[in-house]
């Protein structure tokens, strides 16, 4: 089932790249320009955008995150995200290759497909590791099922928050909509 979902996510990602191509300037936007765009948004809008993305990820349940391993892209299924202290976090284990790739290059892209199969979101930005014990504890409290695998102070649990985020909401029937936070 996961292989089928991954294949579908890749097809949707490819379709969105051809269906609603960003302008050349948007394609070549430097990370600093993305940061400036995110910084120019008022705090209430940033929070609302983050909450919209979080709700979308929760509705999809499973989302796929792409990282870089040298010159090879790697894609994995994830299923948890939380907003804590004004940041949108994901979580993994430090012993995993995905964490090592994130630590080396924080740039990522997530593709999340709604259960309808006709709407998806692409989320890109930079991941920042957060070693704050209270954040790890809160993440585990909100995701009880992870407590059998992780402890907040086990030196394996990694919580990473998203910065310089751009979310693109796509579908087969509506024009692409973009938000930043």
N, C-alpha and C. Protein backbone atom coordinates (compact mmCIF):
# COMPACT_ATOMS: atom_id res chain seq x y z
N UNK A 1 0.81 -1.19 0.00
CA UNK A 1 0.00 0.00 0.00
C UNK A 1 0.86 1.26 0.00
N UNK A 2 1.94 1.25 0.83
CA UNK A 2 2.82 2.42 0.89
C UNK A 2 3.50 2.67 -0.45
N UNK A 3 3.88 1.59 -1.16
CA UNK A 3 4.50 1.75 -2.47
C UNK A 3 3.54 2.38 -3.45
N UNK A 4 2.27 2.00 -3.38
CA UNK A 4 1.25 2.57 -4.26
C UNK A 4 1.07 4.05 -3.93
N UNK A 5 0.96 4.37 -2.65
CA UNK A 5 0.82 5.78 -2.25
C UNK A 5 2.02 6.60 -2.68
N UNK A 6 3.22 6.04 -2.55
CA UNK A 6 4.43 6.75 -2.97
C UNK A 6 4.40 6.99 -4.47
N UNK A 7 4.02 5.98 -5.24
CA UNK A 7 3.95 6.14 -6.69
C UNK A 7 2.93 7.21 -7.06
N UNK A 8 1.80 7.20 -6.39
CA UNK A 8 0.77 8.21 -6.66
C UNK A 8 1.29 9.60 -6.30
N UNK A 9 1.96 9.71 -5.16
CA UNK A 9 2.50 11.01 -4.74
C UNK A 9 3.50 11.53 -5.76
N UNK A 10 4.35 10.66 -6.27
CA UNK A 10 5.33 11.07 -7.28
C UNK A 10 4.62 11.52 -8.54
N UNK A 11 3.59 10.79 -8.97
CA UNK A 11 2.85 11.19 -10.16
C UNK A 11 2.18 12.55 -9.97
N UNK A 12 1.59 12.77 -8.80
CA UNK A 12 0.96 14.06 -8.52
C UNK A 12 1.99 15.17 -8.51
N UNK A 13 3.13 14.90 -7.94
CA UNK A 13 4.20 15.90 -7.90
C UNK A 13 4.62 16.25 -9.31
N UNK A 14 4.77 15.25 -10.16
CA UNK A 14 5.15 15.50 -11.55
C UNK A 14 4.05 16.27 -12.27
N UNK A 15 2.81 15.92 -12.03
CA UNK A 15 1.70 16.61 -12.66
C UNK A 15 1.64 18.06 -12.24
N UNK A 16 1.90 18.31 -10.97
CA UNK A 16 1.83 19.70 -10.49
C UNK A 16 2.96 20.52 -11.07
N UNK A 17 4.07 19.90 -11.38
CA UNK A 17 5.19 20.62 -11.97
C UNK A 17 4.88 21.04 -13.40
N UNK A 18 4.06 20.27 -14.10
CA UNK A 18 3.75 20.62 -15.48
C UNK A 18 2.46 21.42 -15.58
N UNK A 19 1.54 21.23 -14.62
CA UNK A 19 0.25 21.88 -14.68
C UNK A 19 0.32 23.36 -14.32
N UNK A 20 0.99 23.70 -13.25
CA UNK A 20 1.05 25.07 -12.77
C UNK A 20 2.50 25.48 -12.56
N UNK A 21 3.22 25.66 -13.66
CA UNK A 21 4.63 25.99 -13.55
C UNK A 21 4.81 27.36 -12.93
N UNK A 22 5.74 27.47 -11.94
CA UNK A 22 6.03 28.79 -11.40
C UNK A 22 6.84 29.58 -12.41
N UNK A 23 6.84 30.89 -12.23
CA UNK A 23 7.61 31.74 -13.13
C UNK A 23 9.09 31.45 -12.98
N UNK A 24 9.88 31.87 -13.96
CA UNK A 24 11.32 31.67 -13.92
C UNK A 24 11.92 32.32 -12.68
N UNK A 25 11.43 33.50 -12.32
CA UNK A 25 11.93 34.19 -11.12
C UNK A 25 11.64 33.38 -9.87
N UNK A 26 10.46 32.77 -9.82
CA UNK A 26 10.09 31.96 -8.66
C UNK A 26 10.97 30.72 -8.57
N UNK A 27 11.25 30.10 -9.72
CA UNK A 27 12.11 28.91 -9.75
C UNK A 27 13.51 29.22 -9.25
N UNK A 28 14.01 30.39 -9.56
CA UNK A 28 15.38 30.75 -9.23
C UNK A 28 15.49 31.54 -7.94
N UNK A 29 14.43 31.56 -7.16
CA UNK A 29 14.42 32.34 -5.93
C UNK A 29 15.43 31.76 -4.94
N UNK A 30 16.31 32.61 -4.47
CA UNK A 30 17.33 32.21 -3.51
C UNK A 30 16.70 32.01 -2.14
N UNK A 31 17.33 31.18 -1.29
CA UNK A 31 16.79 31.01 0.06
C UNK A 31 16.61 32.33 0.80
N UNK A 32 17.52 33.28 0.59
CA UNK A 32 17.39 34.58 1.25
C UNK A 32 16.10 35.28 0.81
N UNK A 33 15.77 35.16 -0.47
CA UNK A 33 14.54 35.77 -0.97
C UNK A 33 13.32 35.08 -0.36
N UNK A 34 13.39 33.76 -0.18
CA UNK A 34 12.29 33.04 0.46
C UNK A 34 12.14 33.49 1.90
N UNK A 35 13.25 33.69 2.60
CA UNK A 35 13.22 34.16 3.98
C UNK A 35 12.58 35.53 4.06
N UNK A 36 12.98 36.43 3.15
CA UNK A 36 12.39 37.77 3.13
C UNK A 36 10.90 37.69 2.90
N UNK A 37 10.46 36.80 1.99
CA UNK A 37 9.03 36.65 1.72
C UNK A 37 8.30 36.18 2.97
N UNK A 38 8.87 35.21 3.68
CA UNK A 38 8.24 34.71 4.91
C UNK A 38 8.27 35.78 5.99
N UNK A 39 9.36 36.55 6.07
CA UNK A 39 9.46 37.58 7.10
C UNK A 39 8.51 38.74 6.86
N UNK A 40 8.09 38.95 5.61
CA UNK A 40 7.20 40.07 5.30
C UNK A 40 5.74 39.78 5.64
N UNK A 41 5.44 38.56 6.03
CA UNK A 41 4.07 38.17 6.39
C UNK A 41 3.82 38.54 7.84
N UNK A 42 2.64 39.10 8.11
CA UNK A 42 2.35 39.45 9.50
C UNK A 42 2.21 38.18 10.34
N UNK A 43 2.47 38.27 11.63
CA UNK A 43 2.47 37.08 12.50
C UNK A 43 1.16 36.30 12.50
N UNK A 44 0.02 36.98 12.43
CA UNK A 44 -1.26 36.28 12.43
C UNK A 44 -1.43 35.45 11.16
N UNK A 45 -1.01 36.01 10.02
CA UNK A 45 -1.10 35.28 8.76
C UNK A 45 -0.15 34.09 8.75
N UNK A 46 1.07 34.29 9.27
CA UNK A 46 2.02 33.18 9.36
C UNK A 46 1.44 32.04 10.18
N UNK A 47 0.85 32.38 11.32
CA UNK A 47 0.26 31.37 12.20
C UNK A 47 -0.90 30.66 11.50
N UNK A 48 -1.76 31.43 10.84
CA UNK A 48 -2.90 30.84 10.13
C UNK A 48 -2.41 29.92 9.01
N UNK A 49 -1.37 30.33 8.28
CA UNK A 49 -0.83 29.50 7.20
C UNK A 49 -0.25 28.20 7.76
N UNK A 50 0.47 28.31 8.87
CA UNK A 50 1.06 27.13 9.50
C UNK A 50 -0.05 26.17 9.97
N UNK A 51 -1.09 26.71 10.57
CA UNK A 51 -2.20 25.89 11.04
C UNK A 51 -2.92 25.22 9.87
N UNK A 52 -3.05 25.91 8.74
CA UNK A 52 -3.67 25.32 7.56
C UNK A 52 -2.84 24.14 7.05
N UNK A 53 -1.52 24.32 7.00
CA UNK A 53 -0.64 23.24 6.56
C UNK A 53 -0.72 22.07 7.53
N UNK A 54 -0.70 22.35 8.82
CA UNK A 54 -0.78 21.30 9.84
C UNK A 54 -2.09 20.51 9.69
N UNK A 55 -3.19 21.19 9.51
CA UNK A 55 -4.48 20.52 9.34
C UNK A 55 -4.48 19.64 8.09
N UNK A 56 -3.86 20.12 7.05
CA UNK A 56 -3.77 19.35 5.81
C UNK A 56 -2.97 18.06 6.04
N UNK A 57 -1.82 18.19 6.71
CA UNK A 57 -1.00 17.00 7.01
C UNK A 57 -1.76 16.01 7.88
N UNK A 58 -2.49 16.51 8.86
CA UNK A 58 -3.28 15.63 9.74
C UNK A 58 -4.38 14.92 8.95
N UNK A 59 -5.04 15.63 8.04
CA UNK A 59 -6.08 15.01 7.23
C UNK A 59 -5.50 13.92 6.34
N UNK A 60 -4.33 14.15 5.79
CA UNK A 60 -3.70 13.16 4.91
C UNK A 60 -3.18 11.96 5.68
N UNK A 61 -2.87 12.13 6.93
CA UNK A 61 -2.34 11.09 7.83
C UNK A 61 -0.91 10.70 7.49
N UNK A 62 -0.65 10.27 6.27
CA UNK A 62 0.70 9.94 5.84
C UNK A 62 1.14 10.96 4.81
N UNK A 63 2.37 11.42 4.94
CA UNK A 63 2.94 12.32 3.95
C UNK A 63 4.35 11.84 3.64
N UNK A 64 4.86 12.27 2.50
CA UNK A 64 6.16 11.79 2.04
C UNK A 64 7.15 12.94 2.02
N UNK A 65 8.30 12.71 2.64
CA UNK A 65 9.32 13.74 2.72
C UNK A 65 10.51 13.34 1.87
N UNK A 66 10.98 14.28 1.06
CA UNK A 66 12.14 14.07 0.21
C UNK A 66 13.33 14.79 0.82
N UNK A 67 14.45 14.08 0.91
CA UNK A 67 15.71 14.64 1.36
C UNK A 67 16.75 14.34 0.29
N UNK A 68 17.98 14.78 0.53
CA UNK A 68 19.06 14.57 -0.42
C UNK A 68 20.14 13.74 0.26
N UNK A 69 20.62 12.73 -0.47
CA UNK A 69 21.72 11.88 -0.01
C UNK A 69 22.81 11.99 -1.08
N UNK A 70 23.73 12.94 -0.91
CA UNK A 70 24.70 13.22 -1.97
C UNK A 70 23.96 13.80 -3.16
N UNK A 71 23.99 13.08 -4.28
CA UNK A 71 23.25 13.53 -5.46
C UNK A 71 21.99 12.69 -5.71
N UNK A 72 21.62 11.89 -4.71
CA UNK A 72 20.46 11.00 -4.84
C UNK A 72 19.31 11.47 -3.96
N UNK A 73 18.13 11.73 -4.56
CA UNK A 73 16.98 12.05 -3.72
C UNK A 73 16.50 10.81 -2.98
N UNK A 74 15.99 11.01 -1.77
CA UNK A 74 15.43 9.91 -0.95
C UNK A 74 14.05 10.36 -0.48
N UNK A 75 13.08 9.47 -0.53
CA UNK A 75 11.71 9.79 -0.13
C UNK A 75 11.26 8.75 0.88
N UNK A 76 10.63 9.24 1.96
CA UNK A 76 10.13 8.35 3.02
C UNK A 76 8.75 8.80 3.49
N UNK A 77 8.03 7.85 4.02
CA UNK A 77 6.72 8.14 4.58
C UNK A 77 6.88 8.61 6.02
N UNK A 78 6.17 9.67 6.39
CA UNK A 78 6.10 10.19 7.75
C UNK A 78 4.63 10.28 8.12
N UNK A 79 4.34 10.42 9.40
CA UNK A 79 2.94 10.47 9.79
C UNK A 79 2.63 11.39 10.94
N UNK A 80 3.64 12.08 11.49
CA UNK A 80 3.36 12.96 12.62
C UNK A 80 3.97 14.34 12.39
N UNK A 81 3.21 15.33 12.79
CA UNK A 81 3.67 16.71 12.79
C UNK A 81 2.88 17.44 13.87
N UNK A 82 3.48 18.43 14.46
CA UNK A 82 2.82 19.19 15.53
C UNK A 82 3.26 20.64 15.50
N UNK A 83 2.36 21.53 15.86
CA UNK A 83 2.73 22.93 16.08
C UNK A 83 2.96 23.09 17.58
N UNK A 84 4.17 23.49 17.93
CA UNK A 84 4.55 23.71 19.32
C UNK A 84 5.34 25.01 19.38
N UNK A 85 4.96 25.89 20.30
CA UNK A 85 5.66 27.17 20.49
C UNK A 85 5.84 27.95 19.19
N UNK A 86 4.82 27.93 18.34
CA UNK A 86 4.86 28.73 17.12
C UNK A 86 5.68 28.15 15.99
N UNK A 87 6.05 26.87 16.09
CA UNK A 87 6.80 26.21 15.02
C UNK A 87 6.08 24.93 14.62
N UNK A 88 6.14 24.58 13.34
CA UNK A 88 5.63 23.30 12.86
C UNK A 88 6.79 22.31 12.86
N UNK A 89 6.61 21.23 13.63
CA UNK A 89 7.66 20.22 13.81
C UNK A 89 7.29 18.91 13.13
N UNK A 90 8.34 18.19 12.71
CA UNK A 90 8.24 16.77 12.40
C UNK A 90 9.22 16.06 13.32
N UNK A 91 9.20 14.74 13.33
CA UNK A 91 10.02 14.00 14.28
C UNK A 91 10.55 12.72 13.65
N UNK A 92 11.76 12.35 14.00
CA UNK A 92 12.38 11.11 13.55
C UNK A 92 13.42 10.67 14.56
N UNK A 93 14.14 9.62 14.26
CA UNK A 93 15.21 9.14 15.13
C UNK A 93 16.57 9.54 14.58
N UNK A 94 17.46 9.91 15.47
CA UNK A 94 18.80 10.34 15.05
C UNK A 94 19.64 9.22 14.44
N UNK A 95 19.29 7.97 14.74
CA UNK A 95 20.04 6.84 14.19
C UNK A 95 19.64 6.54 12.74
N UNK A 96 18.57 7.13 12.26
CA UNK A 96 18.08 6.86 10.92
C UNK A 96 18.84 7.68 9.86
N UNK A 97 18.96 7.10 8.68
CA UNK A 97 19.62 7.79 7.58
C UNK A 97 18.92 9.10 7.24
N UNK A 98 17.59 9.14 7.34
CA UNK A 98 16.85 10.35 7.01
C UNK A 98 17.30 11.51 7.91
N UNK A 99 17.53 11.25 9.19
CA UNK A 99 17.98 12.31 10.08
C UNK A 99 19.38 12.78 9.68
N UNK A 100 20.24 11.85 9.36
CA UNK A 100 21.62 12.20 8.96
C UNK A 100 21.60 13.07 7.71
N UNK A 101 20.70 12.77 6.78
CA UNK A 101 20.57 13.58 5.58
C UNK A 101 20.02 14.97 5.91
N UNK A 102 19.04 15.04 6.80
CA UNK A 102 18.47 16.32 7.21
C UNK A 102 19.52 17.17 7.93
N UNK A 103 20.35 16.53 8.75
CA UNK A 103 21.37 17.26 9.49
C UNK A 103 22.43 17.83 8.54
N UNK A 104 22.71 17.10 7.49
CA UNK A 104 23.72 17.54 6.52
C UNK A 104 23.18 18.63 5.59
N UNK A 105 21.91 18.49 5.19
CA UNK A 105 21.27 19.45 4.29
C UNK A 105 19.82 19.58 4.73
N UNK A 106 19.48 20.69 5.36
CA UNK A 106 18.16 20.87 5.93
C UNK A 106 17.05 21.12 4.93
N UNK A 107 17.38 21.29 3.65
CA UNK A 107 16.34 21.52 2.66
C UNK A 107 15.55 20.24 2.44
N UNK A 108 14.24 20.38 2.27
CA UNK A 108 13.35 19.24 2.12
C UNK A 108 12.16 19.63 1.26
N UNK A 109 11.39 18.62 0.87
CA UNK A 109 10.07 18.84 0.30
C UNK A 109 9.17 17.71 0.78
N UNK A 110 7.97 18.08 1.14
CA UNK A 110 6.94 17.12 1.55
C UNK A 110 5.86 17.13 0.50
N UNK A 111 5.33 15.95 0.19
CA UNK A 111 4.15 15.84 -0.65
C UNK A 111 3.10 15.08 0.17
N UNK A 112 1.94 15.67 0.31
CA UNK A 112 0.84 15.06 1.07
C UNK A 112 -0.38 14.99 0.17
N UNK A 113 -0.97 13.81 0.06
CA UNK A 113 -2.12 13.56 -0.79
C UNK A 113 -3.35 13.35 0.06
N UNK A 114 -4.40 14.14 -0.21
CA UNK A 114 -5.67 13.96 0.52
C UNK A 114 -6.30 12.63 0.15
N UNK A 115 -7.13 12.08 1.04
CA UNK A 115 -7.77 10.79 0.76
C UNK A 115 -8.57 10.77 -0.55
N UNK A 116 -9.05 11.91 -1.00
CA UNK A 116 -9.81 11.96 -2.26
C UNK A 116 -8.95 11.57 -3.45
N UNK A 117 -7.63 11.76 -3.33
CA UNK A 117 -6.72 11.45 -4.43
C UNK A 117 -6.64 12.52 -5.50
N UNK A 118 -7.38 13.60 -5.34
CA UNK A 118 -7.37 14.64 -6.36
C UNK A 118 -6.84 15.98 -5.86
N UNK A 119 -6.40 16.02 -4.60
CA UNK A 119 -5.82 17.24 -4.03
C UNK A 119 -4.54 16.85 -3.30
N UNK A 120 -3.51 17.69 -3.44
CA UNK A 120 -2.25 17.43 -2.76
C UNK A 120 -1.58 18.75 -2.41
N UNK A 121 -0.64 18.65 -1.51
CA UNK A 121 0.12 19.81 -1.08
C UNK A 121 1.60 19.47 -1.19
N UNK A 122 2.37 20.42 -1.68
CA UNK A 122 3.82 20.32 -1.66
C UNK A 122 4.34 21.39 -0.71
N UNK A 123 5.12 20.98 0.25
CA UNK A 123 5.65 21.88 1.28
C UNK A 123 7.17 21.82 1.22
N UNK A 124 7.81 22.96 1.04
CA UNK A 124 9.26 22.99 1.02
C UNK A 124 9.76 24.04 1.99
N UNK A 125 11.02 23.91 2.37
CA UNK A 125 11.63 24.84 3.30
C UNK A 125 12.92 24.25 3.83
N UNK A 126 13.23 24.64 5.06
CA UNK A 126 14.44 24.18 5.72
C UNK A 126 14.07 23.64 7.10
N UNK A 127 14.69 22.53 7.46
CA UNK A 127 14.46 21.91 8.77
C UNK A 127 15.57 22.31 9.74
N UNK A 128 15.16 22.64 10.97
CA UNK A 128 16.10 23.03 12.02
C UNK A 128 15.91 22.10 13.21
N UNK A 129 16.98 21.45 13.64
CA UNK A 129 16.92 20.54 14.78
C UNK A 129 16.69 21.35 16.06
N UNK A 130 15.86 20.83 16.95
CA UNK A 130 15.57 21.49 18.23
C UNK A 130 15.78 20.47 19.34
N UNK A 131 16.75 20.73 20.19
CA UNK A 131 17.09 19.81 21.28
C UNK A 131 16.35 20.11 22.59
N UNK A 132 15.39 21.03 22.55
CA UNK A 132 14.67 21.42 23.74
C UNK A 132 13.87 20.23 24.30
N UNK A 133 14.19 19.85 25.53
CA UNK A 133 13.55 18.70 26.17
C UNK A 133 12.04 18.90 26.28
N UNK A 134 11.60 20.10 26.64
CA UNK A 134 10.16 20.37 26.79
C UNK A 134 9.41 20.19 25.47
N UNK A 135 10.02 20.55 24.35
CA UNK A 135 9.38 20.37 23.04
C UNK A 135 9.26 18.88 22.73
N UNK A 136 10.32 18.11 23.00
CA UNK A 136 10.27 16.66 22.77
C UNK A 136 9.20 16.01 23.63
N UNK A 137 9.11 16.42 24.89
CA UNK A 137 8.09 15.86 25.79
C UNK A 137 6.69 16.18 25.29
N UNK A 138 6.48 17.42 24.86
CA UNK A 138 5.17 17.82 24.35
C UNK A 138 4.82 17.02 23.09
N UNK A 139 5.79 16.84 22.22
CA UNK A 139 5.56 16.06 20.99
C UNK A 139 5.11 14.64 21.34
N UNK A 140 5.81 14.02 22.29
CA UNK A 140 5.44 12.67 22.72
C UNK A 140 4.08 12.62 23.40
N UNK A 141 3.77 13.64 24.20
CA UNK A 141 2.46 13.68 24.87
C UNK A 141 1.32 13.75 23.86
N UNK A 142 1.55 14.40 22.74
CA UNK A 142 0.52 14.52 21.70
C UNK A 142 0.48 13.29 20.79
N UNK A 143 1.50 12.46 20.86
CA UNK A 143 1.60 11.27 20.01
C UNK A 143 1.99 10.08 20.86
N UNK A 144 1.04 9.63 21.67
CA UNK A 144 1.28 8.58 22.67
C UNK A 144 1.92 7.33 22.06
N UNK A 145 1.56 6.99 20.82
CA UNK A 145 2.08 5.78 20.19
C UNK A 145 3.59 5.79 20.00
N UNK A 146 4.19 6.96 19.99
CA UNK A 146 5.63 7.06 19.81
C UNK A 146 6.41 6.78 21.09
N UNK A 147 5.71 6.80 22.23
CA UNK A 147 6.39 6.61 23.52
C UNK A 147 7.01 5.22 23.66
N UNK A 148 6.52 4.25 22.91
CA UNK A 148 7.11 2.91 22.98
C UNK A 148 8.43 2.85 22.21
N UNK A 149 8.69 3.83 21.35
CA UNK A 149 9.91 3.84 20.54
C UNK A 149 10.91 4.91 20.94
N UNK A 150 10.42 6.01 21.54
CA UNK A 150 11.27 7.16 21.84
C UNK A 150 11.05 7.66 23.26
N UNK A 151 12.06 8.25 23.81
CA UNK A 151 12.01 8.97 25.08
C UNK A 151 12.58 10.36 24.82
N UNK A 152 12.02 11.36 25.45
CA UNK A 152 12.46 12.73 25.21
C UNK A 152 13.95 12.92 25.50
N UNK A 153 14.47 12.17 26.44
CA UNK A 153 15.88 12.35 26.82
C UNK A 153 16.77 11.19 26.38
N UNK A 154 16.36 10.44 25.36
CA UNK A 154 17.11 9.25 24.96
C UNK A 154 18.27 9.52 24.00
N UNK A 155 18.49 10.74 23.61
CA UNK A 155 19.54 11.13 22.67
C UNK A 155 19.35 10.49 21.29
N UNK A 156 18.17 10.00 21.02
CA UNK A 156 17.84 9.49 19.69
C UNK A 156 16.71 10.30 19.07
N UNK A 157 15.74 10.71 19.87
CA UNK A 157 14.59 11.45 19.35
C UNK A 157 15.03 12.80 18.81
N UNK A 158 14.64 13.05 17.55
CA UNK A 158 14.94 14.33 16.92
C UNK A 158 13.64 15.01 16.54
N UNK A 159 13.45 16.23 17.00
CA UNK A 159 12.33 17.05 16.56
C UNK A 159 12.93 18.20 15.75
N UNK A 160 12.37 18.42 14.58
CA UNK A 160 12.88 19.43 13.67
C UNK A 160 11.74 20.34 13.27
N UNK A 161 11.98 21.65 13.30
CA UNK A 161 10.93 22.56 12.89
C UNK A 161 11.24 23.15 11.52
N UNK A 162 10.18 23.59 10.88
CA UNK A 162 10.24 24.06 9.50
C UNK A 162 10.37 25.58 9.48
N UNK A 163 11.35 26.06 8.71
CA UNK A 163 11.50 27.50 8.49
C UNK A 163 11.47 27.77 6.99
N UNK A 164 11.30 29.03 6.64
CA UNK A 164 11.30 29.45 5.23
C UNK A 164 10.35 28.59 4.40
N UNK A 165 9.18 28.33 4.93
CA UNK A 165 8.25 27.37 4.33
C UNK A 165 7.41 27.99 3.23
N UNK A 166 7.24 27.21 2.17
CA UNK A 166 6.29 27.52 1.11
C UNK A 166 5.43 26.28 0.89
N UNK A 167 4.13 26.44 1.02
CA UNK A 167 3.19 25.35 0.77
C UNK A 167 2.42 25.67 -0.49
N UNK A 168 2.37 24.71 -1.39
CA UNK A 168 1.61 24.84 -2.63
C UNK A 168 0.46 23.84 -2.57
N UNK A 169 -0.77 24.36 -2.61
CA UNK A 169 -1.96 23.52 -2.59
C UNK A 169 -2.41 23.32 -4.04
N UNK A 170 -2.48 22.08 -4.46
CA UNK A 170 -2.75 21.75 -5.85
C UNK A 170 -3.94 20.80 -5.96
N UNK A 171 -4.58 20.82 -7.12
CA UNK A 171 -5.64 19.86 -7.41
C UNK A 171 -5.77 19.77 -8.92
N UNK A 172 -6.57 18.80 -9.34
CA UNK A 172 -6.83 18.66 -10.77
C UNK A 172 -7.85 19.67 -11.26
N UNK A 173 -8.58 20.30 -10.35
CA UNK A 173 -9.70 21.14 -10.77
C UNK A 173 -9.54 22.62 -10.42
N UNK A 174 -8.61 22.95 -9.54
CA UNK A 174 -8.45 24.35 -9.11
C UNK A 174 -7.03 24.82 -9.41
N UNK A 175 -6.87 26.13 -9.56
CA UNK A 175 -5.49 26.65 -9.73
C UNK A 175 -4.69 26.48 -8.45
N UNK A 176 -3.39 26.37 -8.61
CA UNK A 176 -2.50 26.24 -7.46
C UNK A 176 -2.59 27.48 -6.57
N UNK A 177 -2.55 27.25 -5.25
CA UNK A 177 -2.55 28.34 -4.27
C UNK A 177 -1.31 28.16 -3.40
N UNK A 178 -0.64 29.25 -3.09
CA UNK A 178 0.61 29.19 -2.35
C UNK A 178 0.51 30.02 -1.08
N UNK A 179 1.05 29.49 0.02
CA UNK A 179 1.16 30.22 1.28
C UNK A 179 2.58 30.04 1.82
N UNK A 180 3.01 31.01 2.62
CA UNK A 180 4.34 30.96 3.24
C UNK A 180 4.20 31.11 4.75
N UNK A 181 5.18 30.57 5.45
CA UNK A 181 5.29 30.82 6.89
C UNK A 181 6.72 30.59 7.32
